[in-house]
C-alpha atoms as a PDB file:
ATOM      1  CA  UNK A   1      -0.119  -0.521  -0.250  1.00  0.00           C
ATOM      2  CA  UNK A   2       1.256   3.629  -0.483  1.00  0.00           C
ATOM      3  CA  UNK A   3      -0.283   7.145   0.179  1.00  0.00           C
ATOM      4  CA  UNK A   4      -0.958   8.427  -2.892  1.00  0.00           C
ATOM      5  CA  UNK A   5      -3.372   7.158  -5.293  1.00  0.00           C
ATOM      6  CA  UNK A   6      -2.914   9.277  -8.527  1.00  0.00           C
ATOM      7  CA  UNK A   7       0.707   9.992  -8.477  1.00  0.00           C
ATOM      8  CA  UNK A   8       1.931  13.241 -10.689  1.00  0.00           C
ATOM      9  CA  UNK A   9       3.604  12.675 -14.151  1.00  0.00           C
ATOM     10  CA  UNK A  10       7.154  13.581 -12.628  1.00  0.00           C
ATOM     11  CA  UNK A  11       8.228  10.455 -10.911  1.00  0.00           C
ATOM     12  CA  UNK A  12      11.669  12.173 -10.220  1.00  0.00           C
ATOM     13  CA  UNK A  13      14.804  10.968 -10.849  1.00  0.00           C
ATOM     14  CA  UNK A  14      15.565   6.960 -10.138  1.00  0.00           C
ATOM     15  CA  UNK A  15      18.896   7.513  -7.850  1.00  0.00           C
ATOM     16  CA  UNK A  16      19.527   6.815  -3.832  1.00  0.00           C
ATOM     17  CA  UNK A  17      17.007   7.886  -1.575  1.00  0.00           C
ATOM     18  CA  UNK A  18      18.988  10.639   0.066  1.00  0.00           C
ATOM     19  CA  UNK A  19      18.035  10.091   3.460  1.00  0.00           C
ATOM     20  CA  UNK A  20      18.500  12.742   6.093  1.00  0.00           C
ATOM     21  CA  UNK A  21      20.686  10.223   7.884  1.00  0.00           C
ATOM     22  CA  UNK A  22      21.689   6.961   7.491  1.00  0.00           C
ATOM     23  CA  UNK A  23      18.902   4.350   7.733  1.00  0.00           C
ATOM     24  CA  UNK A  24      19.239   2.332  10.903  1.00  0.00           C
ATOM     25  CA  UNK A  25      18.889  -1.460  10.021  1.00  0.00           C
ATOM     26  CA  UNK A  26      18.602  -4.456  11.978  1.00  0.00           C
ATOM     27  CA  UNK A  27      20.174  -7.406   9.275  1.00  0.00           C
ATOM     28  CA  UNK A  28      18.602  -9.936  11.016  1.00  0.00           C
ATOM     29  CA  UNK A  29      18.196 -13.488  10.188  1.00  0.00           C
ATOM     30  CA  UNK A  30      16.232 -13.476   7.450  1.00  0.00           C
ATOM     31  CA  UNK A  31      15.573 -17.143   7.608  1.00  0.00           C
ATOM     32  CA  UNK A  32      14.962 -17.209  10.865  1.00  0.00           C
ATOM     33  CA  UNK A  33      12.395 -14.297  11.017  1.00  0.00           C
ATOM     34  CA  UNK A  34      10.417 -16.311   8.067  1.00  0.00           C
ATOM     35  CA  UNK A  35      10.180 -19.789   9.773  1.00  0.00           C
ATOM     36  CA  UNK A  36       9.236 -18.385  12.868  1.00  0.00           C
ATOM     37  CA  UNK A  37       6.194 -16.183  11.141  1.00  0.00           C
ATOM     38  CA  UNK A  38       5.868 -19.593   9.048  1.00  0.00           C
ATOM     39  CA  UNK A  39       4.942 -21.319  12.707  1.00  0.00           C
ATOM     40  CA  UNK A  40       2.576 -19.030  13.798  1.00  0.00           C
ATOM     41  CA  UNK A  41       0.411 -18.987  10.526  1.00  0.00           C
ATOM     42  CA  UNK A  42       0.692 -22.487  10.575  1.00  0.00           C
ATOM     43  CA  UNK A  43      -0.166 -23.113  14.032  1.00  0.00           C
ATOM     44  CA  UNK A  44      -3.583 -20.928  13.589  1.00  0.00           C
ATOM     45  CA  UNK A  45      -4.559 -22.550  10.575  1.00  0.00           C
ATOM     46  CA  UNK A  46      -3.663 -26.024  10.493  1.00  0.00           C
ATOM     47  CA  UNK A  47      -6.468 -26.840  12.896  1.00  0.00           C
ATOM     48  CA  UNK A  48      -9.077 -24.869  11.531  1.00  0.00           C
ATOM     49  CA  UNK A  49      -8.771 -25.921   7.983  1.00  0.00           C
ATOM     50  CA  UNK A  50      -8.484 -29.506   7.122  1.00  0.00           C
ATOM     51  CA  UNK A  51      -6.264 -30.352   4.164  1.00  0.00           C
ATOM     52  CA  UNK A  52      -3.630 -27.396   5.416  1.00  0.00           C
ATOM     53  CA  UNK A  53      -0.410 -27.608   3.269  1.00  0.00           C
ATOM     54  CA  UNK A  54       1.747 -26.276   5.973  1.00  0.00           C
ATOM     55  CA  UNK A  55       4.896 -26.980   3.559  1.00  0.00           C
ATOM     56  CA  UNK A  56       3.872 -25.272   1.182  1.00  0.00           C
ATOM     57  CA  UNK A  57       2.960 -22.326   3.441  1.00  0.00           C
ATOM     58  CA  UNK A  58       6.276 -22.677   5.061  1.00  0.00           C
ATOM     59  CA  UNK A  59       8.113 -22.509   1.785  1.00  0.00           C
ATOM     60  CA  UNK A  60       6.436 -19.308   0.891  1.00  0.00           C
ATOM     61  CA  UNK A  61       7.698 -17.608   4.136  1.00  0.00           C
ATOM     62  CA  UNK A  62      11.194 -18.741   3.730  1.00  0.00           C
ATOM     63  CA  UNK A  63      10.843 -17.999   0.041  1.00  0.00           C
ATOM     64  CA  UNK A  64      10.412 -14.265   0.773  1.00  0.00           C
ATOM     65  CA  UNK A  65      12.775 -13.998   3.582  1.00  0.00           C
ATOM     66  CA  UNK A  66      15.611 -15.209   0.935  1.00  0.00           C
ATOM     67  CA  UNK A  67      14.501 -12.977  -1.836  1.00  0.00           C
ATOM     68  CA  UNK A  68      14.524  -9.972   0.528  1.00  0.00           C
ATOM     69  CA  UNK A  69      17.652 -10.904   1.595  1.00  0.00           C
ATOM     70  CA  UNK A  70      18.718 -10.933  -1.907  1.00  0.00           C
ATOM     71  CA  UNK A  71      19.840 -14.643  -2.196  1.00  0.00           C
ATOM     72  CA  UNK A  72      17.248 -15.647  -5.029  1.00  0.00           C
ATOM     73  CA  UNK A  73      18.761 -15.632  -8.398  1.00  0.00           C
ATOM     74  CA  UNK A  74      18.183 -12.500 -10.486  1.00  0.00           C
ATOM     75  CA  UNK A  75      16.763 -10.647  -7.673  1.00  0.00           C
ATOM     76  CA  UNK A  76      18.742  -7.969  -5.630  1.00  0.00           C
ATOM     77  CA  UNK A  77      18.216  -7.309  -1.821  1.00  0.00           C
ATOM     78  CA  UNK A  78      14.839  -5.198  -0.506  1.00  0.00           C
ATOM     79  CA  UNK A  79      16.560  -1.701  -0.136  1.00  0.00           C
ATOM     80  CA  UNK A  80      13.163  -0.051   0.702  1.00  0.00           C
ATOM     81  CA  UNK A  81      13.125   0.715   4.507  1.00  0.00           C
ATOM     82  CA  UNK A  82       9.547   1.272   4.977  1.00  0.00           C
ATOM     83  CA  UNK A  83       8.253  -1.894   2.620  1.00  0.00           C
ATOM     84  CA  UNK A  84      10.961  -3.835   4.398  1.00  0.00           C
ATOM     85  CA  UNK A  85      10.761  -7.560   5.331  1.00  0.00           C
ATOM     86  CA  UNK A  86       9.208  -7.058   8.807  1.00  0.00           C
ATOM     87  CA  UNK A  87       6.284  -5.656   6.793  1.00  0.00           C
ATOM     88  CA  UNK A  88       5.801  -8.401   4.606  1.00  0.00           C
ATOM     89  CA  UNK A  89       6.085 -11.075   7.753  1.00  0.00           C
ATOM     90  CA  UNK A  90       3.475  -9.427   9.632  1.00  0.00           C
ATOM     91  CA  UNK A  91       1.271  -9.068   6.637  1.00  0.00           C
ATOM     92  CA  UNK A  92       1.498 -12.933   6.263  1.00  0.00           C
ATOM     93  CA  UNK A  93       0.726 -13.615   9.851  1.00  0.00           C
ATOM     94  CA  UNK A  94      -2.038 -10.445  10.159  1.00  0.00           C
ATOM     95  CA  UNK A  95      -3.572 -12.407   6.831  1.00  0.00           C
ATOM     96  CA  UNK A  96      -3.414 -15.992   9.013  1.00  0.00           C
ATOM     97  CA  UNK A  97      -5.321 -13.970  11.990  1.00  0.00           C
ATOM     98  CA  UNK A  98      -8.315 -12.760   9.773  1.00  0.00           C
ATOM     99  CA  UNK A  99      -8.879 -15.574   7.705  1.00  0.00           C
ATOM    100  CA  UNK A 100      -8.848 -17.573  11.580  1.00  0.00           C
ATOM    101  CA  UNK A 101     -11.148 -15.126  12.787  1.00  0.00           C
ATOM    102  CA  UNK A 102     -13.609 -15.332   9.635  1.00  0.00           C
ATOM    103  CA  UNK A 103     -13.497 -19.127   9.880  1.00  0.00           C
ATOM    104  CA  UNK A 104     -14.026 -19.454  13.489  1.00  0.00           C
ATOM    105  CA  UNK A 105     -17.303 -16.825  12.454  1.00  0.00           C
ATOM    106  CA  UNK A 106     -18.491 -18.395   9.311  1.00  0.00           C
ATOM    107  CA  UNK A 107     -18.423 -22.292  10.017  1.00  0.00           C
ATOM    108  CA  UNK A 108     -18.050 -24.957   7.155  1.00  0.00           C
ATOM    109  CA  UNK A 109     -20.519 -23.959   4.746  1.00  0.00           C
ATOM    110  CA  UNK A 110     -19.070 -20.679   3.921  1.00  0.00           C
ATOM    111  CA  UNK A 111     -15.529 -21.626   4.715  1.00  0.00           C
ATOM    112  CA  UNK A 112     -12.699 -20.035   2.079  1.00  0.00           C
ATOM    113  CA  UNK A 113     -11.101 -23.971   2.412  1.00  0.00           C
ATOM    114  CA  UNK A 114      -7.472 -24.564   3.295  1.00  0.00           C
ATOM    115  CA  UNK A 115      -6.065 -24.304  -0.747  1.00  0.00           C
ATOM    116  CA  UNK A 116      -7.483 -20.594  -0.957  1.00  0.00           C
ATOM    117  CA  UNK A 117      -6.440 -19.808   2.402  1.00  0.00           C
ATOM    118  CA  UNK A 118      -2.896 -20.730   1.610  1.00  0.00           C
ATOM    119  CA  UNK A 119      -2.993 -18.727  -1.633  1.00  0.00           C
ATOM    120  CA  UNK A 120      -4.152 -15.732   0.318  1.00  0.00           C
ATOM    121  CA  UNK A 121      -1.151 -16.166   2.595  1.00  0.00           C
ATOM    122  CA  UNK A 122       1.144 -16.240  -0.497  1.00  0.00           C
ATOM    123  CA  UNK A 123      -0.526 -13.309  -2.191  1.00  0.00           C
ATOM    124  CA  UNK A 124       0.052 -11.595   1.029  1.00  0.00           C
ATOM    125  CA  UNK A 125       3.534 -12.363   1.353  1.00  0.00           C
ATOM    126  CA  UNK A 126       4.621 -11.439  -2.002  1.00  0.00           C
ATOM    127  CA  UNK A 127       1.984  -8.240  -2.719  1.00  0.00           C
ATOM    128  CA  UNK A 128       5.242  -5.943  -2.575  1.00  0.00           C
ATOM    129  CA  UNK A 129       7.905  -7.775  -3.655  1.00  0.00           C
ATOM    130  CA  UNK A 130       7.086  -5.848  -7.017  1.00  0.00           C
ATOM    131  CA  UNK A 131       9.818  -3.488  -5.317  1.00  0.00           C
ATOM    132  CA  UNK A 132      12.487  -5.695  -5.475  1.00  0.00           C
ATOM    133  CA  UNK A 133      14.964  -4.606  -8.313  1.00  0.00           C
ATOM    134  CA  UNK A 134      15.860  -7.307 -10.496  1.00  0.00           C
ATOM    135  CA  UNK A 135      19.288  -7.728 -11.796  1.00  0.00           C
ATOM    136  CA  UNK A 136      19.366  -5.500 -14.387  1.00  0.00           C
ATOM    137  CA  UNK A 137      17.997  -3.004 -12.063  1.00  0.00           C
ATOM    138  CA  UNK A 138      20.876  -1.961 -10.131  1.00  0.00           C
ATOM    139  CA  UNK A 139      20.679   1.303 -11.094  1.00  0.00           C
ATOM    140  CA  UNK A 140      17.248   2.098  -9.589  1.00  0.00           C
ATOM    141  CA  UNK A 141      16.264   1.904  -5.965  1.00  0.00           C
ATOM    142  CA  UNK A 142      13.177  -0.395  -5.537  1.00  0.00           C
ATOM    143  CA  UNK A 143      11.161   2.787  -4.290  1.00  0.00           C
ATOM    144  CA  UNK A 144      11.288   3.849  -7.650  1.00  0.00           C
ATOM    145  CA  UNK A 145       9.462   1.241  -8.480  1.00  0.00           C
ATOM    146  CA  UNK A 146       6.391   1.784  -6.579  1.00  0.00           C
ATOM    147  CA  UNK A 147       4.345   2.705  -9.548  1.00  0.00           C
ATOM    148  CA  UNK A 148       2.892  -0.322 -10.987  1.00  0.00           C
ATOM    149  CA  UNK A 149       4.671  -2.617  -8.347  1.00  0.00           C
ATOM    150  CA  UNK A 150       1.297  -4.385  -7.158  1.00  0.00           C
ATOM    151  CA  UNK A 151       1.526  -5.578 -11.324  1.00  0.00           C
ATOM    152  CA  UNK A 152       5.016  -6.823 -10.956  1.00  0.00           C
ATOM    153  CA  UNK A 153       4.310  -8.358  -7.621  1.00  0.00           C
ATOM    154  CA  UNK A 154       1.282 -10.195  -9.633  1.00  0.00           C
ATOM    155  CA  UNK A 155       3.469 -11.577 -12.099  1.00  0.00           C
ATOM    156  CA  UNK A 156       5.808 -13.111  -9.575  1.00  0.00           C
ATOM    157  CA  UNK A 157       3.583 -14.469  -7.663  1.00  0.00           C
ATOM    158  CA  UNK A 158       1.804 -16.536 -10.055  1.00  0.00           C
ATOM    159  CA  UNK A 159       5.156 -17.782 -11.132  1.00  0.00           C
ATOM    160  CA  UNK A 160       5.610 -18.886  -7.799  1.00  0.00           C
ATOM    161  CA  UNK A 161       2.447 -20.397  -7.314  1.00  0.00           C
ATOM    162  CA  UNK A 162       2.646 -22.273 -10.496  1.00  0.00           C
ATOM    163  CA  UNK A 163       5.434 -24.051  -9.561  1.00  0.00           C
ATOM    164  CA  UNK A 164       3.884 -25.201  -5.866  1.00  0.00           C
ATOM    165  CA  UNK A 165       1.004 -27.357  -4.983  1.00  0.00           C
ATOM    166  CA  UNK A 166      -0.834 -24.285  -5.112  1.00  0.00           C
ATOM    167  CA  UNK A 167      -0.541 -24.309  -8.922  1.00  0.00           C
ATOM    168  CA  UNK A 168      -4.309 -24.213  -9.890  1.00  0.00           C
ATOM    169  CA  UNK A 169      -4.537 -21.085  -7.817  1.00  0.00           C
ATOM    170  CA  UNK A 170      -1.908 -19.322  -9.580  1.00  0.00           C
ATOM    171  CA  UNK A 171      -4.503 -16.936 -11.607  1.00  0.00           C
ATOM    172  CA  UNK A 172      -5.508 -15.737  -8.613  1.00  0.00           C
ATOM    173  CA  UNK A 173      -2.061 -13.661  -8.157  1.00  0.00           C
ATOM    174  CA  UNK A 174      -4.255 -10.703  -9.810  1.00  0.00           C
ATOM    175  CA  UNK A 175      -6.179 -10.381  -6.450  1.00  0.00           C
ATOM    176  CA  UNK A 176      -2.699  -8.714  -5.121  1.00  0.00           C
ATOM    177  CA  UNK A 177      -4.153  -5.600  -7.191  1.00  0.00           C
ATOM    178  CA  UNK A 178      -6.365  -5.105  -3.946  1.00  0.00           C
ATOM    179  CA  UNK A 179      -3.582  -3.527  -2.349  1.00  0.00           C
ATOM    180  CA  UNK A 180      -3.297  -0.732  -4.446  1.00  0.00           C
ATOM    181  CA  UNK A 181      -5.606   2.321  -2.938  1.00  0.00           C
ATOM    182  CA  UNK A 182      -6.880   3.165  -6.676  1.00  0.00           C
ATOM    183  CA  UNK A 183      -8.054  -0.712  -7.006  1.00  0.00           C
ATOM    184  CA  UNK A 184     -11.783  -1.396  -7.807  1.00  0.00           C
ATOM    185  CA  UNK A 185     -12.003  -4.531  -5.359  1.00  0.00           C
ATOM    186  CA  UNK A 186     -15.208  -5.709  -6.697  1.00  0.00           C
ATOM    187  CA  UNK A 187     -13.857  -5.808 -10.354  1.00  0.00           C
ATOM    188  CA  UNK A 188     -11.167  -7.967  -9.702  1.00  0.00           C
ATOM    189  CA  UNK A 189     -13.302 -11.354  -9.372  1.00  0.00           C
ATOM    190  CA  UNK A 190     -17.186 -12.339  -9.344  1.00  0.00           C
ATOM    191  CA  UNK A 191     -16.102 -15.090  -7.408  1.00  0.00           C
ATOM    192  CA  UNK A 192     -17.245 -14.228  -3.431  1.00  0.00           C
ATOM    193  CA  UNK A 193     -14.869 -16.143  -1.879  1.00  0.00           C
ATOM    194  CA  UNK A 194     -11.885 -14.767  -4.327  1.00  0.00           C
ATOM    195  CA  UNK A 195     -13.362 -11.657  -3.278  1.00  0.00           C
ATOM    196  CA  UNK A 196     -13.273 -12.079   0.452  1.00  0.00           C
ATOM    197  CA  UNK A 197      -9.414 -13.333  -0.212  1.00  0.00           C
ATOM    198  CA  UNK A 198      -8.394 -10.230  -1.752  1.00  0.00           C
ATOM    199  CA  UNK A 199     -10.205  -8.189   0.910  1.00  0.00           C
ATOM    200  CA  UNK A 200      -8.372 -10.294   3.455  1.00  0.00           C
ATOM    201  CA  UNK A 201      -5.248  -9.491   2.103  1.00  0.00           C
ATOM    202  CA  UNK A 202      -5.448  -5.832   1.655  1.00  0.00           C
ATOM    203  CA  UNK A 203      -6.850  -5.142   4.783  1.00  0.00           C
ATOM    204  CA  UNK A 204      -4.040  -6.738   6.403  1.00  0.00           C
ATOM    205  CA  UNK A 205      -1.360  -4.493   4.164  1.00  0.00           C
ATOM    206  CA  UNK A 206      -3.116  -1.767   5.546  1.00  0.00           C
ATOM    207  CA  UNK A 207      -3.748  -2.472   9.058  1.00  0.00           C
ATOM    208  CA  UNK A 208      -0.204  -3.693  10.161  1.00  0.00           C
ATOM    209  CA  UNK A 209       1.560  -0.734   8.734  1.00  0.00           C
ATOM    210  CA  UNK A 210      -0.533   1.804  10.404  1.00  0.00           C
ATOM    211  CA  UNK A 211      -0.761   0.276  13.628  1.00  0.00           C
ATOM    212  CA  UNK A 212       2.926  -0.304  13.819  1.00  0.00           C
ATOM    213  CA  UNK A 213       4.244   1.348  17.191  1.00  0.00           C
ATOM    214  CA  UNK A 214       6.638   3.529  14.799  1.00  0.00           C
ATOM    215  CA  UNK A 215       4.446   4.125  12.117  1.00  0.00           C
ATOM    216  CA  UNK A 216       4.690   7.602  12.449  1.00  0.00           C
ATOM    217  CA  UNK A 217       8.645   7.979  12.767  1.00  0.00           C
ATOM    218  CA  UNK A 218       8.786   5.371   9.734  1.00  0.00           C
ATOM    219  CA  UNK A 219       6.648   7.829   7.976  1.00  0.00           C
ATOM    220  CA  UNK A 220       8.869  10.605   8.582  1.00  0.00           C
ATOM    221  CA  UNK A 221      12.317   8.719   8.098  1.00  0.00           C
ATOM    222  CA  UNK A 222      11.562   5.891   5.385  1.00  0.00           C
ATOM    223  CA  UNK A 223       8.225   6.527   3.812  1.00  0.00           C
ATOM    224  CA  UNK A 224       8.877  10.157   2.947  1.00  0.00           C
ATOM    225  CA  UNK A 225      12.392   9.181   1.081  1.00  0.00           C
ATOM    226  CA  UNK A 226      10.863   6.303  -1.094  1.00  0.00           C
ATOM    227  CA  UNK A 227       8.026   8.751  -1.999  1.00  0.00           C
ATOM    228  CA  UNK A 228      11.119  10.930  -3.053  1.00  0.00           C
ATOM    229  CA  UNK A 229      12.349   8.368  -5.356  1.00  0.00           C
ATOM    230  CA  UNK A 230       9.009   7.885  -6.714  1.00  0.00           C
ATOM    231  CA  UNK A 231       8.327  11.429  -7.493  1.00  0.00           C
ATOM    232  CA  UNK A 232       5.815  11.820  -4.965  1.00  0.00           C
ATOM    233  CA  UNK A 233       7.445  14.087  -2.811  1.00  0.00           C
ATOM    234  CA  UNK A 234       9.722  17.341  -3.118  1.00  0.00           C
ATOM    235  CA  UNK A 235      13.060  15.791  -1.559  1.00  0.00           C
ATOM    236  CA  UNK A 236      15.637  17.397   0.327  1.00  0.00           C
ATOM    237  CA  UNK A 237      17.446  18.540  -3.285  1.00  0.00           C
ATOM    238  CA  UNK A 238      14.166  19.757  -4.555  1.00  0.00           C
ATOM    239  CA  UNK A 239      14.141  17.420  -7.558  1.00  0.00           C
ATOM    240  CA  UNK A 240      10.395  16.836  -7.350  1.00  0.00           C
ATOM    241  CA  UNK A 241       9.270  20.610  -7.325  1.00  0.00           C
ATOM    242  CA  UNK A 242       6.002  20.008  -8.074  1.00  0.00           C
ATOM    243  CA  UNK A 243       5.147  16.859  -6.055  1.00  0.00           C
ATOM    244  CA  UNK A 244       2.697  16.683  -3.444  1.00  0.00           C
ATOM    245  CA  UNK A 245       4.774  16.268  -0.502  1.00  0.00           C
ATOM    246  CA  UNK A 246       7.008  19.396   0.440  1.00  0.00           C
ATOM    247  CA  UNK A 247       8.789  17.381   3.439  1.00  0.00           C
ATOM    248  CA  UNK A 248       8.617  14.647   5.632  1.00  0.00           C
ATOM    249  CA  UNK A 249       6.624  17.067   8.111  1.00  0.00           C
ATOM    250  CA  UNK A 250       4.127  17.785   5.363  1.00  0.00           C
ATOM    251  CA  UNK A 251       3.790  14.178   4.982  1.00  0.00           C
ATOM    252  CA  UNK A 252       3.052  13.743   8.635  1.00  0.00           C
ATOM    253  CA  UNK A 253       0.724  16.993   8.977  1.00  0.00           C
ATOM    254  CA  UNK A 254      -1.365  15.428   5.746  1.00  0.00           C
ATOM    255  CA  UNK A 255      -1.647  11.743   7.036  1.00  0.00           C
ATOM    256  CA  UNK A 256      -4.470  12.020   9.865  1.00  0.00           C
ATOM    257  CA  UNK A 257      -6.674  13.502   6.938  1.00  0.00           C
ATOM    258  CA  UNK A 258      -5.078  11.174   4.581  1.00  0.00           C
ATOM    259  CA  UNK A 259      -5.795   8.073   6.977  1.00  0.00           C
ATOM    260  CA  UNK A 260      -9.327   9.045   7.708  1.00  0.00           C
ATOM    261  CA  UNK A 261     -10.640   9.824   4.546  1.00  0.00           C
ATOM    262  CA  UNK A 262      -8.942   7.171   2.367  1.00  0.00           C
ATOM    263  CA  UNK A 263      -7.600   4.228   4.636  1.00  0.00           C
ATOM    264  CA  UNK A 264     -10.459   3.764   7.183  1.00  0.00           C
ATOM    265  CA  UNK A 265     -12.883   4.621   5.037  1.00  0.00           C
ATOM    266  CA  UNK A 266     -11.472   1.777   2.517  1.00  0.00           C
ATOM    267  CA  UNK A 267     -11.445  -0.531   5.283  1.00  0.00           C
ATOM    268  CA  UNK A 268     -15.109  -0.043   5.653  1.00  0.00           C
ATOM    269  CA  UNK A 269     -16.492  -0.177   2.010  1.00  0.00           C
ATOM    270  CA  UNK A 270     -14.162  -1.258  -0.667  1.00  0.00           C
ATOM    271  CA  UNK A 271     -12.614  -3.988   1.593  1.00  0.00           C
ATOM    272  CA  UNK A 272     -16.106  -4.798   3.093  1.00  0.00           C
ATOM    273  CA  UNK A 273     -15.058  -4.267   6.510  1.00  0.00           C
ATOM    274  CA  UNK A 274     -13.517  -7.578   6.737  1.00  0.00           C
ATOM    275  CA  UNK A 275     -11.150  -6.148   9.582  1.00  0.00           C
ATOM    276  CA  UNK A 276     -14.017  -7.154  11.863  1.00  0.00           C
ATOM    277  CA  UNK A 277     -12.264 -10.765  12.088  1.00  0.00           C
ATOM    278  CA  UNK A 278      -9.246  -9.503  14.102  1.00  0.00           C
ATOM    279  CA  UNK A 279     -11.631  -9.196  16.877  1.00  0.00           C
ATOM    280  CA  UNK A 280     -13.243 -12.494  16.481  1.00  0.00           C
ATOM    281  CA  UNK A 281      -9.392 -14.033  16.319  1.00  0.00           C
ATOM    282  CA  UNK A 282      -8.473 -11.997  19.587  1.00  0.00           C
ATOM    283  CA  UNK A 283     -11.726 -12.645  21.319  1.00  0.00           C
ATOM    284  CA  UNK A 284     -13.397  -9.446  20.945  1.00  0.00           C
ATOM    285  CA  UNK A 285     -10.772  -7.065  21.073  1.00  0.00           C
ATOM    286  CA  UNK A 286      -9.102  -5.412  17.819  1.00  0.00           C
ATOM    287  CA  UNK A 287      -5.409  -4.499  19.194  1.00  0.00           C
ATOM    288  CA  UNK A 288      -4.877  -3.526  15.366  1.00  0.00           C
ATOM    289  CA  UNK A 289      -7.618  -0.701  15.303  1.00  0.00           C
ATOM    290  CA  UNK A 290      -6.506   0.471  18.915  1.00  0.00           C
ATOM    291  CA  UNK A 291      -3.081   0.967  17.983  1.00  0.00           C
ATOM    292  CA  UNK A 292      -4.329   2.463  14.905  1.00  0.00           C
ATOM    293  CA  UNK A 293      -6.216   4.952  16.723  1.00  0.00           C
ATOM    294  CA  UNK A 294      -3.781   5.378  19.052  1.00  0.00           C
ATOM    295  CA  UNK A 295      -1.025   7.217  16.342  1.00  0.00           C
ATOM    296  CA  UNK A 296      -3.826   9.238  14.724  1.00  0.00           C
ATOM    297  CA  UNK A 297      -4.931  10.821  17.807  1.00  0.00           C
ATOM    298  CA  UNK A 298      -1.258  11.571  18.783  1.00  0.00           C
ATOM    299  CA  UNK A 299      -0.447  12.456  15.543  1.00  0.00           C
ATOM    300  CA  UNK A 300      -3.397  14.651  15.763  1.00  0.00           C
ATOM    301  CA  UNK A 301      -1.772  16.689  18.432  1.00  0.00           C
ATOM    302  CA  UNK A 302       1.596  17.121  17.261  1.00  0.00           C
ATOM    303  CA  UNK A 303      -0.454  18.381  13.996  1.00  0.00           C
ATOM    304  CA  UNK A 304      -2.407  20.714  16.146  1.00  0.00           C
ATOM    305  CA  UNK A 305       0.713  22.127  18.043  1.00  0.00           C
ATOM    306  CA  UNK A 306       3.077  21.845  15.103  1.00  0.00           C
ATOM    307  CA  UNK A 307       5.549  20.028  17.265  1.00  0.00           C
ATOM    308  CA  UNK A 308       6.938  17.085  15.650  1.00  0.00           C
ATOM    309  CA  UNK A 309       9.931  17.143  17.425  1.00  0.00           C
ATOM    310  CA  UNK A 310       8.186  14.935  19.934  1.00  0.00           C
ATOM    311  CA  UNK A 311       8.523  11.732  17.635  1.00  0.00           C
ATOM    312  CA  UNK A 312      11.879  10.951  19.391  1.00  0.00           C
ATOM    313  CA  UNK A 313      11.859   7.174  18.526  1.00  0.00           C
ATOM    314  CA  UNK A 314      14.452   6.019  16.019  1.00  0.00           C
ATOM    315  CA  UNK A 315      12.829   3.460  13.384  1.00  0.00           C
ATOM    316  CA  UNK A 316      14.938   0.575  12.666  1.00  0.00           C
ATOM    317  CA  UNK A 317      14.669  -1.574   9.351  1.00  0.00           C
ATOM    318  CA  UNK A 318      15.080  -4.968   8.607  1.00  0.00           C
ATOM    319  CA  UNK A 319      17.430  -5.078   5.656  1.00  0.00           C
ATOM    320  CA  UNK A 320      20.800  -6.473   4.368  1.00  0.00           C
ATOM    321  CA  UNK A 321      23.256  -4.196   5.640  1.00  0.00           C
ATOM    322  CA  UNK A 322      24.804  -1.908   2.973  1.00  0.00           C
ATOM    323  CA  UNK A 323      26.715   1.636   2.587  1.00  0.00           C
ATOM    324  CA  UNK A 324      24.394   4.164   3.857  1.00  0.00           C
ATOM    325  CA  UNK A 325      23.335   2.115   6.729  1.00  0.00           C
ATOM    326  CA  UNK A 326      23.888   1.933  10.429  1.00  0.00           C
ATOM    327  CA  UNK A 327      23.694  -1.208  12.284  1.00  0.00           C
ATOM    328  CA  UNK A 328      21.017  -0.467  15.283  1.00  0.00           C
ATOM    329  CA  UNK A 329      22.509  -2.170  18.460  1.00  0.00           C
END
């Protein structure tokens, strides 16, 4: 998901993201992170869905861990600190939680079924994989691929699914487009269960971002500079003079309205209010929405006071260490 639905025609330069300061990264064991997330998803859904293919789901988690680390042939390591491996794995687990809530409430008659549910998790894991550069794109940043990255991700996911036990569901890779804010989700498929899967994935993508404890700092320190590379923000050097966001503080100032008029309305409208299955999964509470409200209420106060200096956390990205990054301690 990105904050902008209609980017200006000037996408800006495709050079490095000129961060105000080096990005702090935690070069964690991507395989271990992916395996842990896979275990959580499988533990939730294997008892819930007869015929659950835990091996294929685990393989998908491990594959994205390898891809984001740059260990898949032809794919360069992730260099987008906002859209990092942590976001991907959290989206996969959140999708599993939504599926669990839906299955608890729906009963066997309206079940997604194990293969479709597993496909939804694969799509959640690969919804931003289009931001990973291919070998011939080393001169670009991943963020320069923002426009159209959903379609790139869908093509990648389809190829992966075609080689898996879920090969019969490979055409559903197109449902990744539901994570694009401008997408008319109901136009993706006439099948109600396929539509539900698309909505679950898109809901997980939106909510894990906005519920993050460091969401506001990540917008300031990471997302703004990804937008510079995409041509959607002006940049410290003014490379995109007509862009929507003049500075990181300008992005923050516009975020409450964006979240309330675009994201929250989309969750309840185009995405069918499927966020309610978080509350079913958690037994009555929705910690994601509670965290989103806390973030927005705090940001409201900062905007009203015109004082963003109270955002004192230094966000950490889960990226391979490289020049221009600092290892988090």
